[in-house]
Structures are given as structure tokens and as C-alpha cells.
């Protein structure tokens, strides 16, 4: 019995200090960078006008995914859920209106990203985009993550005003 008591006491005695260290670490908020890593699906992509009015850029239920790896690479695809099918059934044989719908109803880009923890921003270093004018550009955007919700704002949206992008963590 004495041996068991001594062994138990030896194992438990260091716990309060270790528990204090662990509880302090557990209370520290994870970095934005670590929270960002993973796959996210779109909830909304809205143009927000100066008067506060909103309009959905990619419809009321945008499709797509944004993926961020732990080494600073990303890829994102945003697509209207109501894009029309090509009448010809061949993507290389669309009408001018069909091509216009695709160009206005989708955007994709990939490259590298960094997160600035101090000012809570993400900077996209765009290698290539379906909108070629963005190729090679850097785009810095305010970023917030609350639980499974990711949000960033694009200062100037294509349709005027600013762009607000809301995503949820993919499950």
C-alpha cells in the first residue's frame, strides 16, 4: 500500500503546475493562419453599396470552394448555381450569350497567400485567374474567422461598391 501511495503521489504532485501551463495554452486563441487552413464552401458573395444595400454577385446560393493549405497555397472557385447549360452540349461551341453568362457567373484563381495576424488581413498573390487582369496581382483583404465562418471583404467589387465573401468550413 505504501508503494502505491508514493507512486500515486509522485504522479499527481506535478499535475497542478502542468495543468496550469496546459490551461494557459488552451486559453490562447489559435492564429488566423491555423484557423484558415482547410476547405471552405460559399454561403454568400455580395456587392455592398455605399448606402448599405446588397446584391448577390453569384446568385442567392453560390457554389464553389476555397482551399487553403498550411504552406501558403490556395485555390478558389466561385460559380453561380443557376448557370445555363450550353444548348450545343459542347463547351467549345457556345453562343455569345452563353459565354457571357459563364464569364459573369464564375471566377477562379489560385496562387499563394499570407495572413497578417496583427491587422487581420489576408493577401492573395494571384498566379492565375479566369479573369486574366488579376494574374500576377496581390490583393489584400480584411479577414475574420468566427467558428466555422470565414469572411473577407474586397474593397472594390466588379459591380461597384465593395464585395463581401462569406464561407463556411466544409464538413
Protein backbone atom coordinates (compact mmCIF):
# COMPACT_ATOMS: atom_id res chain seq x y z
CA UNK A 1 0.00 0.00 0.00
CA UNK A 2 2.82 2.42 0.84
CA UNK A 3 4.43 1.88 -2.56
CA UNK A 4 1.14 2.52 -4.33
CA UNK A 5 0.58 5.71 -2.33
CA UNK A 6 4.09 7.00 -3.10
CA UNK A 7 3.75 6.21 -6.79
CA UNK A 8 0.36 7.92 -6.98
CA UNK A 9 1.67 10.95 -5.12
CA UNK A 10 4.71 11.14 -7.41
CA UNK A 11 2.49 11.09 -10.48
CA UNK A 12 -0.07 13.59 -9.20
CA UNK A 13 2.22 16.08 -7.45
CA UNK A 14 3.48 17.73 -10.66
CA UNK A 15 -0.02 17.99 -12.16
CA UNK A 16 -1.16 21.35 -10.74
CA UNK A 17 1.75 23.20 -12.33
CA UNK A 18 1.43 21.24 -15.57
CA UNK A 19 -2.32 21.75 -15.57
CA UNK A 20 -1.80 25.49 -15.17
CA UNK A 21 0.53 25.51 -18.17
CA UNK A 22 -1.88 23.46 -20.23
CA UNK A 23 -4.88 25.59 -19.29
CA UNK A 24 -2.97 28.75 -20.28
CA UNK A 25 -2.13 27.22 -23.64
CA UNK A 26 -5.71 26.06 -24.07
CA UNK A 27 -6.95 29.59 -23.45
CA UNK A 28 -4.69 31.11 -26.11
CA UNK A 29 -6.67 31.84 -29.27
CA UNK A 30 -5.45 29.93 -32.32
CA UNK A 31 -3.86 32.03 -35.04
CA UNK A 32 -5.92 33.16 -38.04
CA UNK A 33 -3.46 31.25 -40.23
CA UNK A 34 -4.10 27.96 -38.41
CA UNK A 35 -7.88 28.53 -38.40
CA UNK A 36 -7.87 29.29 -42.13
CA UNK A 37 -6.23 26.04 -43.24
CA UNK A 38 -8.75 23.67 -44.82
CA UNK A 39 -11.63 23.68 -47.26
CA UNK A 40 -14.46 26.22 -47.22
CA UNK A 41 -17.72 26.40 -49.17
CA UNK A 42 -19.57 29.54 -50.18
CA UNK A 43 -22.50 30.96 -48.23
CA UNK A 44 -22.73 34.33 -50.00
CA UNK A 45 -20.81 36.70 -52.25
CA UNK A 46 -22.47 40.10 -52.15
CA UNK A 47 -21.86 43.53 -53.59
CA UNK A 48 -22.37 46.02 -50.76
CA UNK A 49 -23.13 49.52 -51.99
CA UNK A 50 -22.21 52.70 -50.08
CA UNK A 51 -25.85 53.05 -48.93
CA UNK A 52 -25.64 49.54 -47.37
CA UNK A 53 -27.86 47.83 -49.95
CA UNK A 54 -26.70 44.41 -51.11
CA UNK A 55 -26.98 42.31 -54.23
CA UNK A 56 -25.67 38.78 -54.74
CA UNK A 57 -22.84 38.61 -57.30
CA UNK A 58 -23.19 34.87 -57.91
CA UNK A 59 -26.86 34.35 -57.15
CA UNK A 60 -28.56 33.58 -53.86
CA UNK A 61 -26.81 30.20 -53.48
CA UNK A 62 -23.29 30.39 -54.93
CA UNK A 63 -21.40 27.14 -55.49
CA UNK A 64 -17.71 26.71 -55.04
CA UNK A 65 -14.85 26.04 -52.74
CA UNK A 66 -11.84 27.85 -51.33
CA UNK A 67 -8.96 25.66 -50.17
CA UNK A 68 -6.02 26.91 -48.09
CA UNK A 69 -3.11 24.63 -47.25
CA UNK A 70 -0.69 25.07 -44.37
CA UNK A 71 2.18 26.05 -46.67
CA UNK A 72 0.61 29.22 -48.07
CA UNK A 73 -1.05 27.86 -51.23
CA UNK A 74 -4.69 28.41 -52.10
CA UNK A 75 -7.23 27.77 -54.83
CA UNK A 76 -10.75 29.11 -55.09
CA UNK A 77 -13.63 28.59 -57.47
CA UNK A 78 -16.88 30.57 -57.33
CA UNK A 79 -19.81 29.68 -59.60
CA UNK A 80 -23.44 30.75 -59.83
CA UNK A 81 -25.69 27.80 -59.06
CA UNK A 82 -28.05 28.80 -61.89
CA UNK A 83 -25.62 28.94 -64.83
CA UNK A 84 -27.43 27.93 -68.03
CA UNK A 85 -26.39 24.80 -69.88
CA UNK A 86 -24.98 25.26 -73.37
CA UNK A 87 -27.61 24.41 -75.99
CA UNK A 88 -24.97 22.66 -78.13
CA UNK A 89 -23.81 20.46 -75.26
CA UNK A 90 -20.23 21.41 -76.20
CA UNK A 91 -18.32 23.99 -74.14
CA UNK A 92 -16.29 24.92 -77.23
CA UNK A 93 -19.43 25.70 -79.21
CA UNK A 94 -21.36 28.19 -77.06
CA UNK A 95 -23.30 31.23 -78.11
CA UNK A 96 -22.10 34.75 -77.21
CA UNK A 97 -24.79 34.92 -74.51
CA UNK A 98 -23.74 31.54 -73.05
CA UNK A 99 -20.09 32.65 -72.88
CA UNK A 100 -21.15 35.95 -71.30
CA UNK A 101 -23.14 34.06 -68.64
CA UNK A 102 -20.10 31.94 -67.81
CA UNK A 103 -17.74 34.94 -67.65
CA UNK A 104 -20.10 36.93 -65.44
CA UNK A 105 -21.23 33.97 -63.35
CA UNK A 106 -17.91 32.49 -62.25
CA UNK A 107 -14.44 33.39 -61.05
CA UNK A 108 -11.47 31.22 -60.13
CA UNK A 109 -7.94 31.92 -59.08
CA UNK A 110 -5.05 30.23 -57.34
CA UNK A 111 -1.63 31.06 -56.00
CA UNK A 112 -0.09 31.82 -52.64
CA UNK A 113 -1.43 33.65 -49.62
CA UNK A 114 -0.20 35.17 -46.38
CA UNK A 115 -2.12 36.15 -43.26
CA UNK A 116 -1.16 39.23 -41.25
CA UNK A 117 -2.22 38.42 -37.70
CA UNK A 118 -1.68 41.99 -36.47
CA UNK A 119 -4.02 43.73 -38.91
CA UNK A 120 -6.21 40.64 -39.55
CA UNK A 121 -5.80 40.60 -43.31
CA UNK A 122 -5.17 38.02 -45.98
CA UNK A 123 -3.11 38.81 -49.05
CA UNK A 124 -3.69 36.74 -52.17
CA UNK A 125 -0.70 36.52 -54.53
CA UNK A 126 -2.65 35.51 -57.63
CA UNK A 127 -0.70 33.32 -60.02
CA UNK A 128 -3.56 32.82 -62.46
CA UNK A 129 -7.25 33.65 -62.68
CA UNK A 130 -10.16 33.15 -65.05
CA UNK A 131 -10.13 36.97 -65.05
CA UNK A 132 -6.64 37.39 -66.58
CA UNK A 133 -6.35 41.02 -65.44
CA UNK A 134 -5.72 39.63 -61.94
CA UNK A 135 -2.80 37.41 -63.00
CA UNK A 136 0.31 38.34 -61.05
CA UNK A 137 -1.50 40.75 -58.71
CA UNK A 138 -1.55 40.97 -54.94
CA UNK A 139 -4.92 41.55 -53.29
CA UNK A 140 -5.06 42.38 -49.58
CA UNK A 141 -8.39 41.94 -47.81
CA UNK A 142 -9.68 42.24 -44.23
CA UNK A 143 -10.30 38.75 -42.84
CA UNK A 144 -12.32 37.36 -39.94
CA UNK A 145 -12.98 33.83 -38.76
CA UNK A 146 -15.68 33.12 -36.20
CA UNK A 147 -16.00 29.42 -35.51
CA UNK A 148 -16.83 27.80 -38.84
CA UNK A 149 -17.50 31.12 -40.64
CA UNK A 150 -14.86 32.83 -42.77
CA UNK A 151 -15.40 36.33 -44.14
CA UNK A 152 -13.32 38.73 -46.19
CA UNK A 153 -14.08 42.00 -47.93
CA UNK A 154 -12.88 43.14 -51.33
CA UNK A 155 -12.61 46.93 -51.26
CA UNK A 156 -13.76 47.40 -54.86
CA UNK A 157 -16.19 44.89 -56.34
CA UNK A 158 -16.64 44.38 -60.08
CA UNK A 159 -20.21 45.65 -59.88
CA UNK A 160 -19.37 48.74 -57.80
CA UNK A 161 -19.27 49.10 -54.03
CA UNK A 162 -17.35 46.51 -52.03
CA UNK A 163 -17.54 42.73 -52.15
CA UNK A 164 -18.31 40.66 -49.05
CA UNK A 165 -17.50 36.97 -49.22
CA UNK A 166 -18.84 34.58 -46.56
CA UNK A 167 -17.86 30.92 -46.44
CA UNK A 168 -18.40 28.03 -44.05
CA UNK A 169 -15.96 25.28 -43.18
CA UNK A 170 -16.53 22.25 -45.38
CA UNK A 171 -17.53 19.12 -43.46
